[in-house]
Amino acid sequence: MAERTELKPMCVLFVCFGNLCRSPMAAGLAMKILGNLAVFESAGISPGDSKANDKTIEVMREMGIDISDHCSRRVSSLNLTDFDYIITMDLNVNLQLKSLLSGRPAKILSWEVDDPWGRDIEDYRECAKTIRMKVFGLRKFLEEAEGHHP
């Protein structure tokens, strides 16, 4: 993993299956809530459409976050060693990501967040609430990782 300097902020990557719902929500919420602690990005194991799901965009807008310009990215197209932490949205994504890393060291964390894909808007809202709680929990972890004290 690349050594971080004062000029290079900590980088965190959120990964879900399609990069259309959960990981864009996580990146958007993290930027809003924890923006001063790190750079937050998102990607997918197997991204589909080129933009975030309409319900994802709507739910994020309700939370004061605009991700309407989000474009899905394939995690395999990224240099994963550029990231200090990679957070997967479920165990299946975690296992697939580890196979992509093929033995390269990475700090991978796994969250269990139900995928709302194909469900109604309330499921997207519940997903966003779950991610929001996890992002607040991530604050302490990142502060400790950086040696910050609240």
N, C-alpha and C. Protein backbone atom coordinates (compact mmCIF):
# COMPACT_ATOMS: atom_id res chain seq x y z
N MET A 1 0.84 -1.17 0.00
CA MET A 1 0.00 0.00 0.00
C MET A 1 0.89 1.24 0.00
N ALA A 2 0.52 2.22 -0.78
CA ALA A 2 1.31 3.44 -0.87
C ALA A 2 1.33 4.14 0.47
N GLU A 3 2.50 4.69 0.82
CA GLU A 3 2.62 5.40 2.09
C GLU A 3 1.97 6.76 1.96
N ARG A 4 1.18 7.12 2.97
CA ARG A 4 0.47 8.38 2.94
C ARG A 4 1.34 9.48 3.54
N THR A 5 1.27 10.64 2.96
CA THR A 5 2.00 11.79 3.49
C THR A 5 0.98 12.85 3.86
N GLU A 6 1.47 13.95 4.42
CA GLU A 6 0.58 15.06 4.76
C GLU A 6 -0.14 15.59 3.52
N LEU A 7 0.49 15.46 2.36
CA LEU A 7 -0.11 15.98 1.13
C LEU A 7 -1.13 15.02 0.53
N LYS A 8 -1.07 13.76 0.90
CA LYS A 8 -1.98 12.77 0.34
C LYS A 8 -2.95 12.31 1.43
N PRO A 9 -4.23 12.68 1.31
CA PRO A 9 -5.20 12.29 2.35
C PRO A 9 -5.49 10.79 2.31
N MET A 10 -6.04 10.29 3.39
CA MET A 10 -6.48 8.91 3.45
C MET A 10 -7.56 8.71 2.37
N CYS A 11 -7.53 7.54 1.72
CA CYS A 11 -8.52 7.23 0.67
C CYS A 11 -9.29 5.98 1.05
N VAL A 12 -10.62 6.05 0.92
CA VAL A 12 -11.50 4.93 1.26
C VAL A 12 -12.37 4.63 0.04
N LEU A 13 -12.44 3.35 -0.30
CA LEU A 13 -13.26 2.90 -1.42
C LEU A 13 -14.40 2.03 -0.90
N PHE A 14 -15.63 2.35 -1.30
CA PHE A 14 -16.80 1.53 -0.99
C PHE A 14 -17.11 0.69 -2.21
N VAL A 15 -17.36 -0.60 -2.01
CA VAL A 15 -17.61 -1.51 -3.13
C VAL A 15 -18.88 -2.31 -2.88
N CYS A 16 -19.77 -2.30 -3.87
CA CYS A 16 -20.96 -3.17 -3.85
C CYS A 16 -20.97 -3.94 -5.17
N PHE A 17 -22.06 -4.59 -5.48
CA PHE A 17 -22.09 -5.41 -6.68
C PHE A 17 -22.11 -4.56 -7.94
N GLY A 18 -23.11 -3.68 -8.09
CA GLY A 18 -23.27 -2.95 -9.34
C GLY A 18 -22.84 -1.50 -9.33
N ASN A 19 -22.46 -0.97 -8.17
CA ASN A 19 -22.10 0.44 -8.02
C ASN A 19 -23.24 1.35 -8.47
N LEU A 20 -24.47 0.92 -8.17
CA LEU A 20 -25.65 1.68 -8.55
C LEU A 20 -26.49 2.10 -7.35
N CYS A 21 -26.33 1.42 -6.21
CA CYS A 21 -27.16 1.71 -5.04
C CYS A 21 -26.31 1.93 -3.79
N ARG A 22 -25.83 0.84 -3.19
CA ARG A 22 -25.21 0.91 -1.87
C ARG A 22 -23.89 1.68 -1.83
N SER A 23 -22.96 1.36 -2.72
CA SER A 23 -21.66 2.04 -2.63
C SER A 23 -21.75 3.52 -3.00
N PRO A 24 -22.58 3.94 -3.98
CA PRO A 24 -22.73 5.38 -4.19
C PRO A 24 -23.37 6.08 -2.98
N MET A 25 -24.33 5.40 -2.33
CA MET A 25 -24.92 5.96 -1.10
C MET A 25 -23.84 6.13 -0.04
N ALA A 26 -23.03 5.09 0.15
CA ALA A 26 -22.00 5.13 1.18
C ALA A 26 -20.99 6.25 0.91
N ALA A 27 -20.56 6.38 -0.33
CA ALA A 27 -19.60 7.44 -0.67
C ALA A 27 -20.22 8.82 -0.46
N GLY A 28 -21.47 8.98 -0.89
CA GLY A 28 -22.15 10.27 -0.71
C GLY A 28 -22.33 10.63 0.75
N LEU A 29 -22.78 9.67 1.54
CA LEU A 29 -22.97 9.92 2.97
C LEU A 29 -21.64 10.17 3.67
N ALA A 30 -20.62 9.41 3.32
CA ALA A 30 -19.31 9.60 3.94
C ALA A 30 -18.74 10.97 3.60
N MET A 31 -18.90 11.41 2.35
CA MET A 31 -18.40 12.74 1.97
C MET A 31 -19.10 13.82 2.78
N LYS A 32 -20.42 13.65 2.99
CA LYS A 32 -21.18 14.66 3.73
C LYS A 32 -20.83 14.64 5.22
N ILE A 33 -20.73 13.44 5.80
CA ILE A 33 -20.56 13.30 7.24
C ILE A 33 -19.09 13.34 7.66
N LEU A 34 -18.21 12.75 6.85
CA LEU A 34 -16.81 12.58 7.23
C LEU A 34 -15.84 13.24 6.25
N GLY A 35 -16.33 14.14 5.45
CA GLY A 35 -15.54 14.69 4.36
C GLY A 35 -14.16 15.18 4.71
N ASN A 36 -13.95 15.63 5.95
CA ASN A 36 -12.64 16.14 6.32
C ASN A 36 -11.65 15.04 6.71
N LEU A 37 -12.11 13.80 6.85
CA LEU A 37 -11.23 12.72 7.29
C LEU A 37 -10.56 11.97 6.15
N ALA A 38 -11.17 11.96 4.97
CA ALA A 38 -10.63 11.14 3.88
C ALA A 38 -11.28 11.53 2.56
N VAL A 39 -10.75 10.94 1.51
CA VAL A 39 -11.36 11.01 0.19
C VAL A 39 -12.17 9.72 0.05
N PHE A 40 -13.42 9.83 -0.38
CA PHE A 40 -14.29 8.67 -0.48
C PHE A 40 -14.71 8.45 -1.92
N GLU A 41 -14.59 7.19 -2.37
CA GLU A 41 -14.97 6.83 -3.73
C GLU A 41 -15.77 5.54 -3.68
N SER A 42 -16.37 5.18 -4.83
CA SER A 42 -17.13 3.94 -4.89
C SER A 42 -16.89 3.23 -6.21
N ALA A 43 -17.15 1.92 -6.20
CA ALA A 43 -17.01 1.09 -7.40
C ALA A 43 -17.85 -0.16 -7.21
N GLY A 44 -17.95 -0.96 -8.26
CA GLY A 44 -18.72 -2.19 -8.20
C GLY A 44 -17.96 -3.37 -8.76
N ILE A 45 -18.32 -4.55 -8.29
CA ILE A 45 -17.73 -5.79 -8.81
C ILE A 45 -18.16 -5.98 -10.26
N SER A 46 -19.44 -5.74 -10.54
CA SER A 46 -19.97 -5.93 -11.89
C SER A 46 -20.98 -4.82 -12.20
N PRO A 47 -20.47 -3.59 -12.44
CA PRO A 47 -21.39 -2.47 -12.67
C PRO A 47 -22.22 -2.64 -13.92
N GLY A 48 -23.45 -2.16 -13.85
CA GLY A 48 -24.36 -2.26 -14.97
C GLY A 48 -24.51 -0.95 -15.69
N ASP A 49 -25.59 -0.26 -15.40
CA ASP A 49 -25.86 1.03 -16.04
C ASP A 49 -24.76 2.02 -15.73
N SER A 50 -24.78 3.13 -16.42
CA SER A 50 -23.71 4.10 -16.24
C SER A 50 -23.98 5.10 -15.12
N LYS A 51 -25.21 5.15 -14.59
CA LYS A 51 -25.49 6.10 -13.52
C LYS A 51 -26.15 5.39 -12.34
N ALA A 52 -26.20 6.10 -11.22
CA ALA A 52 -26.85 5.53 -10.04
C ALA A 52 -28.33 5.29 -10.34
N ASN A 53 -28.88 4.32 -9.66
CA ASN A 53 -30.30 4.00 -9.78
C ASN A 53 -31.13 5.22 -9.41
N ASP A 54 -32.25 5.43 -10.11
CA ASP A 54 -33.11 6.60 -9.86
C ASP A 54 -33.58 6.68 -8.41
N LYS A 55 -33.90 5.53 -7.82
CA LYS A 55 -34.35 5.54 -6.42
C LYS A 55 -33.20 5.90 -5.49
N THR A 56 -31.99 5.47 -5.84
CA THR A 56 -30.81 5.85 -5.05
C THR A 56 -30.63 7.36 -5.08
N ILE A 57 -30.72 7.94 -6.26
CA ILE A 57 -30.57 9.38 -6.43
C ILE A 57 -31.64 10.12 -5.62
N GLU A 58 -32.88 9.64 -5.69
CA GLU A 58 -33.99 10.28 -4.98
C GLU A 58 -33.78 10.24 -3.46
N VAL A 59 -33.41 9.07 -2.93
CA VAL A 59 -33.22 8.92 -1.49
C VAL A 59 -32.04 9.78 -1.01
N MET A 60 -30.99 9.83 -1.79
CA MET A 60 -29.85 10.68 -1.41
C MET A 60 -30.25 12.16 -1.45
N ARG A 61 -31.05 12.54 -2.44
CA ARG A 61 -31.52 13.92 -2.52
C ARG A 61 -32.34 14.27 -1.29
N GLU A 62 -33.17 13.33 -0.83
CA GLU A 62 -33.96 13.53 0.39
C GLU A 62 -33.06 13.78 1.60
N MET A 63 -31.84 13.25 1.56
CA MET A 63 -30.88 13.40 2.66
C MET A 63 -29.93 14.57 2.42
N GLY A 64 -30.23 15.37 1.40
CA GLY A 64 -29.42 16.55 1.13
C GLY A 64 -28.13 16.28 0.38
N ILE A 65 -28.08 15.17 -0.35
CA ILE A 65 -26.87 14.77 -1.07
C ILE A 65 -27.22 14.57 -2.54
N ASP A 66 -26.47 15.21 -3.42
CA ASP A 66 -26.72 15.09 -4.86
C ASP A 66 -25.69 14.14 -5.48
N ILE A 67 -26.15 12.96 -5.88
CA ILE A 67 -25.26 12.01 -6.57
C ILE A 67 -25.77 11.78 -8.00
N SER A 68 -26.51 12.74 -8.52
CA SER A 68 -27.10 12.57 -9.86
C SER A 68 -26.06 12.45 -10.96
N ASP A 69 -24.84 12.91 -10.69
CA ASP A 69 -23.79 12.80 -11.71
C ASP A 69 -22.91 11.56 -11.53
N HIS A 70 -23.30 10.67 -10.60
CA HIS A 70 -22.53 9.44 -10.35
C HIS A 70 -22.50 8.54 -11.59
N CYS A 71 -21.33 8.06 -11.94
CA CYS A 71 -21.16 7.07 -13.01
C CYS A 71 -20.55 5.82 -12.41
N SER A 72 -21.15 4.67 -12.67
CA SER A 72 -20.64 3.44 -12.09
C SER A 72 -19.27 3.10 -12.65
N ARG A 73 -18.44 2.48 -11.79
CA ARG A 73 -17.09 2.08 -12.18
C ARG A 73 -16.86 0.64 -11.78
N ARG A 74 -16.07 -0.04 -12.57
CA ARG A 74 -15.69 -1.42 -12.28
C ARG A 74 -14.47 -1.40 -11.36
N VAL A 75 -14.57 -2.10 -10.24
CA VAL A 75 -13.49 -2.10 -9.25
C VAL A 75 -12.19 -2.64 -9.86
N SER A 76 -12.29 -3.56 -10.79
CA SER A 76 -11.08 -4.13 -11.39
C SER A 76 -10.33 -3.13 -12.27
N SER A 77 -10.96 -1.99 -12.58
CA SER A 77 -10.28 -0.96 -13.38
C SER A 77 -9.47 0.01 -12.51
N LEU A 78 -9.57 -0.15 -11.19
CA LEU A 78 -8.88 0.75 -10.26
C LEU A 78 -7.60 0.12 -9.74
N ASN A 79 -6.67 0.95 -9.35
CA ASN A 79 -5.48 0.48 -8.65
C ASN A 79 -5.84 0.42 -7.17
N LEU A 80 -6.15 -0.76 -6.68
CA LEU A 80 -6.66 -0.89 -5.32
C LEU A 80 -5.63 -0.54 -4.26
N THR A 81 -4.36 -0.53 -4.62
CA THR A 81 -3.34 -0.14 -3.65
C THR A 81 -3.35 1.37 -3.39
N ASP A 82 -4.11 2.13 -4.19
CA ASP A 82 -4.26 3.56 -3.95
C ASP A 82 -5.14 3.86 -2.73
N PHE A 83 -5.86 2.85 -2.26
CA PHE A 83 -6.82 3.05 -1.18
C PHE A 83 -6.28 2.52 0.14
N ASP A 84 -6.48 3.30 1.18
CA ASP A 84 -6.05 2.88 2.52
C ASP A 84 -7.01 1.83 3.08
N TYR A 85 -8.29 2.00 2.79
CA TYR A 85 -9.31 1.05 3.23
C TYR A 85 -10.30 0.81 2.11
N ILE A 86 -10.74 -0.44 2.02
CA ILE A 86 -11.79 -0.82 1.08
C ILE A 86 -12.91 -1.41 1.91
N ILE A 87 -14.11 -0.86 1.77
CA ILE A 87 -15.25 -1.33 2.54
C ILE A 87 -16.25 -1.96 1.58
N THR A 88 -16.49 -3.26 1.78
CA THR A 88 -17.45 -3.96 0.94
C THR A 88 -18.82 -3.92 1.61
N MET A 89 -19.87 -3.94 0.80
CA MET A 89 -21.22 -3.80 1.31
C MET A 89 -21.85 -5.11 1.76
N ASP A 90 -21.22 -6.25 1.44
CA ASP A 90 -21.71 -7.53 1.95
C ASP A 90 -20.62 -8.59 1.81
N LEU A 91 -20.84 -9.74 2.42
CA LEU A 91 -19.84 -10.80 2.44
C LEU A 91 -19.53 -11.32 1.04
N ASN A 92 -20.54 -11.46 0.19
CA ASN A 92 -20.32 -11.96 -1.16
C ASN A 92 -19.38 -11.02 -1.94
N VAL A 93 -19.63 -9.73 -1.85
CA VAL A 93 -18.76 -8.75 -2.51
C VAL A 93 -17.36 -8.82 -1.91
N ASN A 94 -17.28 -9.00 -0.60
CA ASN A 94 -15.99 -9.12 0.08
C ASN A 94 -15.19 -10.29 -0.49
N LEU A 95 -15.83 -11.44 -0.63
CA LEU A 95 -15.14 -12.63 -1.15
C LEU A 95 -14.70 -12.42 -2.60
N GLN A 96 -15.55 -11.82 -3.42
CA GLN A 96 -15.18 -11.56 -4.81
C GLN A 96 -14.02 -10.57 -4.90
N LEU A 97 -14.04 -9.57 -4.05
CA LEU A 97 -12.98 -8.58 -4.06
C LEU A 97 -11.65 -9.21 -3.64
N LYS A 98 -11.68 -10.05 -2.63
CA LYS A 98 -10.44 -10.72 -2.20
C LYS A 98 -9.85 -11.56 -3.31
N SER A 99 -10.70 -12.18 -4.14
CA SER A 99 -10.16 -12.96 -5.25
C SER A 99 -9.54 -12.04 -6.30
N LEU A 100 -10.06 -10.83 -6.46
CA LEU A 100 -9.47 -9.85 -7.38
C LEU A 100 -8.11 -9.38 -6.89
N LEU A 101 -7.96 -9.27 -5.58
CA LEU A 101 -6.70 -8.80 -5.02
C LEU A 101 -5.58 -9.82 -5.17
N SER A 102 -5.94 -11.07 -5.29
CA SER A 102 -5.01 -12.19 -5.49
C SER A 102 -3.72 -12.06 -4.68
N GLY A 103 -3.90 -11.95 -3.37
CA GLY A 103 -2.75 -11.97 -2.49
C GLY A 103 -2.12 -10.62 -2.20
N ARG A 104 -2.51 -9.58 -2.91
CA ARG A 104 -1.96 -8.25 -2.62
C ARG A 104 -2.54 -7.74 -1.31
N PRO A 105 -1.73 -7.12 -0.49
CA PRO A 105 -2.25 -6.64 0.80
C PRO A 105 -3.22 -5.48 0.62
N ALA A 106 -4.26 -5.49 1.40
CA ALA A 106 -5.22 -4.39 1.42
C ALA A 106 -5.97 -4.47 2.73
N LYS A 107 -6.40 -3.32 3.21
CA LYS A 107 -7.19 -3.29 4.43
C LYS A 107 -8.65 -3.30 4.03
N ILE A 108 -9.26 -4.48 4.09
CA ILE A 108 -10.64 -4.65 3.65
C ILE A 108 -11.53 -4.83 4.87
N LEU A 109 -12.58 -4.02 4.91
CA LEU A 109 -13.60 -4.12 5.94
C LEU A 109 -14.88 -4.54 5.25
N SER A 110 -15.74 -5.25 5.97
CA SER A 110 -17.00 -5.68 5.36
C SER A 110 -18.17 -5.22 6.21
N TRP A 111 -19.12 -4.58 5.55
CA TRP A 111 -20.39 -4.22 6.17
C TRP A 111 -21.44 -5.17 5.61
N GLU A 112 -22.46 -5.44 6.39
CA GLU A 112 -23.60 -6.22 5.90
C GLU A 112 -24.76 -5.27 5.66
N VAL A 113 -24.97 -4.92 4.40
CA VAL A 113 -26.03 -3.99 4.03
C VAL A 113 -26.87 -4.66 2.94
N ASP A 114 -28.16 -4.87 3.21
CA ASP A 114 -29.05 -5.49 2.23
C ASP A 114 -29.12 -4.64 0.97
N ASP A 115 -29.06 -5.31 -0.18
CA ASP A 115 -29.13 -4.64 -1.47
C ASP A 115 -30.59 -4.32 -1.79
N PRO A 116 -30.93 -3.03 -1.98
CA PRO A 116 -32.31 -2.67 -2.27
C PRO A 116 -32.69 -2.82 -3.74
N TRP A 117 -31.75 -3.19 -4.60
CA TRP A 117 -31.98 -3.26 -6.04
C TRP A 117 -33.29 -3.98 -6.36
N GLY A 118 -34.13 -3.33 -7.16
CA GLY A 118 -35.38 -3.92 -7.61
C GLY A 118 -36.53 -3.83 -6.61
N ARG A 119 -36.30 -3.23 -5.49
CA ARG A 119 -37.33 -3.12 -4.47
C ARG A 119 -37.96 -1.73 -4.50
N ASP A 120 -38.87 -1.47 -3.56
CA ASP A 120 -39.54 -0.16 -3.55
C ASP A 120 -38.69 0.89 -2.83
N ILE A 121 -39.12 2.12 -2.92
CA ILE A 121 -38.36 3.25 -2.41
C ILE A 121 -38.09 3.16 -0.91
N GLU A 122 -39.03 2.56 -0.15
CA GLU A 122 -38.83 2.41 1.29
C GLU A 122 -37.62 1.54 1.60
N ASP A 123 -37.37 0.52 0.78
CA ASP A 123 -36.19 -0.33 0.98
C ASP A 123 -34.91 0.47 0.74
N TYR A 124 -34.94 1.39 -0.22
CA TYR A 124 -33.79 2.26 -0.46
C TYR A 124 -33.56 3.19 0.72
N ARG A 125 -34.66 3.69 1.29
CA ARG A 125 -34.54 4.57 2.46
C ARG A 125 -33.95 3.81 3.66
N GLU A 126 -34.40 2.58 3.86
CA GLU A 126 -33.86 1.75 4.95
C GLU A 126 -32.39 1.47 4.72
N CYS A 127 -32.02 1.18 3.49
CA CYS A 127 -30.63 0.94 3.14
C CYS A 127 -29.79 2.17 3.47
N ALA A 128 -30.26 3.34 3.07
CA ALA A 128 -29.54 4.58 3.33
C ALA A 128 -29.39 4.83 4.82
N LYS A 129 -30.44 4.55 5.61
CA LYS A 129 -30.36 4.72 7.07
C LYS A 129 -29.31 3.79 7.67
N THR A 130 -29.28 2.54 7.21
CA THR A 130 -28.29 1.58 7.69
C THR A 130 -26.88 2.06 7.36
N ILE A 131 -26.68 2.50 6.13
CA ILE A 131 -25.35 2.99 5.72
C ILE A 131 -24.98 4.23 6.53
N ARG A 132 -25.92 5.12 6.74
CA ARG A 132 -25.65 6.34 7.51
C ARG A 132 -25.15 5.99 8.90
N MET A 133 -25.79 5.03 9.57
CA MET A 133 -25.35 4.61 10.91
C MET A 133 -23.93 4.04 10.85
N LYS A 134 -23.65 3.25 9.82
CA LYS A 134 -22.32 2.65 9.68
C LYS A 134 -21.26 3.72 9.39
N VAL A 135 -21.63 4.74 8.63
CA VAL A 135 -20.69 5.83 8.35
C VAL A 135 -20.36 6.58 9.64
N PHE A 136 -21.35 6.82 10.49
CA PHE A 136 -21.06 7.47 11.78
C PHE A 136 -20.11 6.60 12.60
N GLY A 137 -20.29 5.28 12.55
CA GLY A 137 -19.37 4.36 13.23
C GLY A 137 -17.97 4.39 12.63
N LEU A 138 -17.90 4.63 11.35
CA LEU A 138 -16.61 4.69 10.65
C LEU A 138 -15.77 5.88 11.11
N ARG A 139 -16.44 6.94 11.55
CA ARG A 139 -15.71 8.14 11.99
C ARG A 139 -14.65 7.79 13.04
N LYS A 140 -15.05 7.10 14.09
CA LYS A 140 -14.11 6.77 15.17
C LYS A 140 -12.97 5.91 14.65
N PHE A 141 -13.31 4.94 13.81
CA PHE A 141 -12.29 4.06 13.24
C PHE A 141 -11.25 4.86 12.47
N LEU A 142 -11.71 5.77 11.60
CA LEU A 142 -10.78 6.56 10.79
C LEU A 142 -9.98 7.54 11.63
N GLU A 143 -10.61 8.13 12.62
CA GLU A 143 -9.89 9.05 13.51
C GLU A 143 -8.78 8.32 14.24
N GLU A 144 -9.07 7.11 14.72
CA GLU A 144 -8.06 6.32 15.40
C GLU A 144 -6.96 5.90 14.44
N ALA A 145 -7.34 5.55 13.22
CA ALA A 145 -6.36 5.15 12.21
C ALA A 145 -5.41 6.28 11.87
N GLU A 146 -5.90 7.49 11.93
CA GLU A 146 -5.10 8.67 11.62
C GLU A 146 -4.42 9.24 12.85
N GLY A 147 -4.75 8.71 14.03
CA GLY A 147 -4.16 9.24 15.26
C GLY A 147 -4.84 10.48 15.76
N HIS A 148 -6.06 10.77 15.23
CA HIS A 148 -6.84 11.93 15.69
C HIS A 148 -7.56 11.55 16.97
N HIS A 149 -7.81 12.54 17.76
CA HIS A 149 -8.60 12.33 18.98
C HIS A 149 -9.74 13.33 18.97
N PRO A 150 -10.99 12.84 19.14
CA PRO A 150 -12.13 13.74 19.12
C PRO A 150 -12.07 14.81 20.19
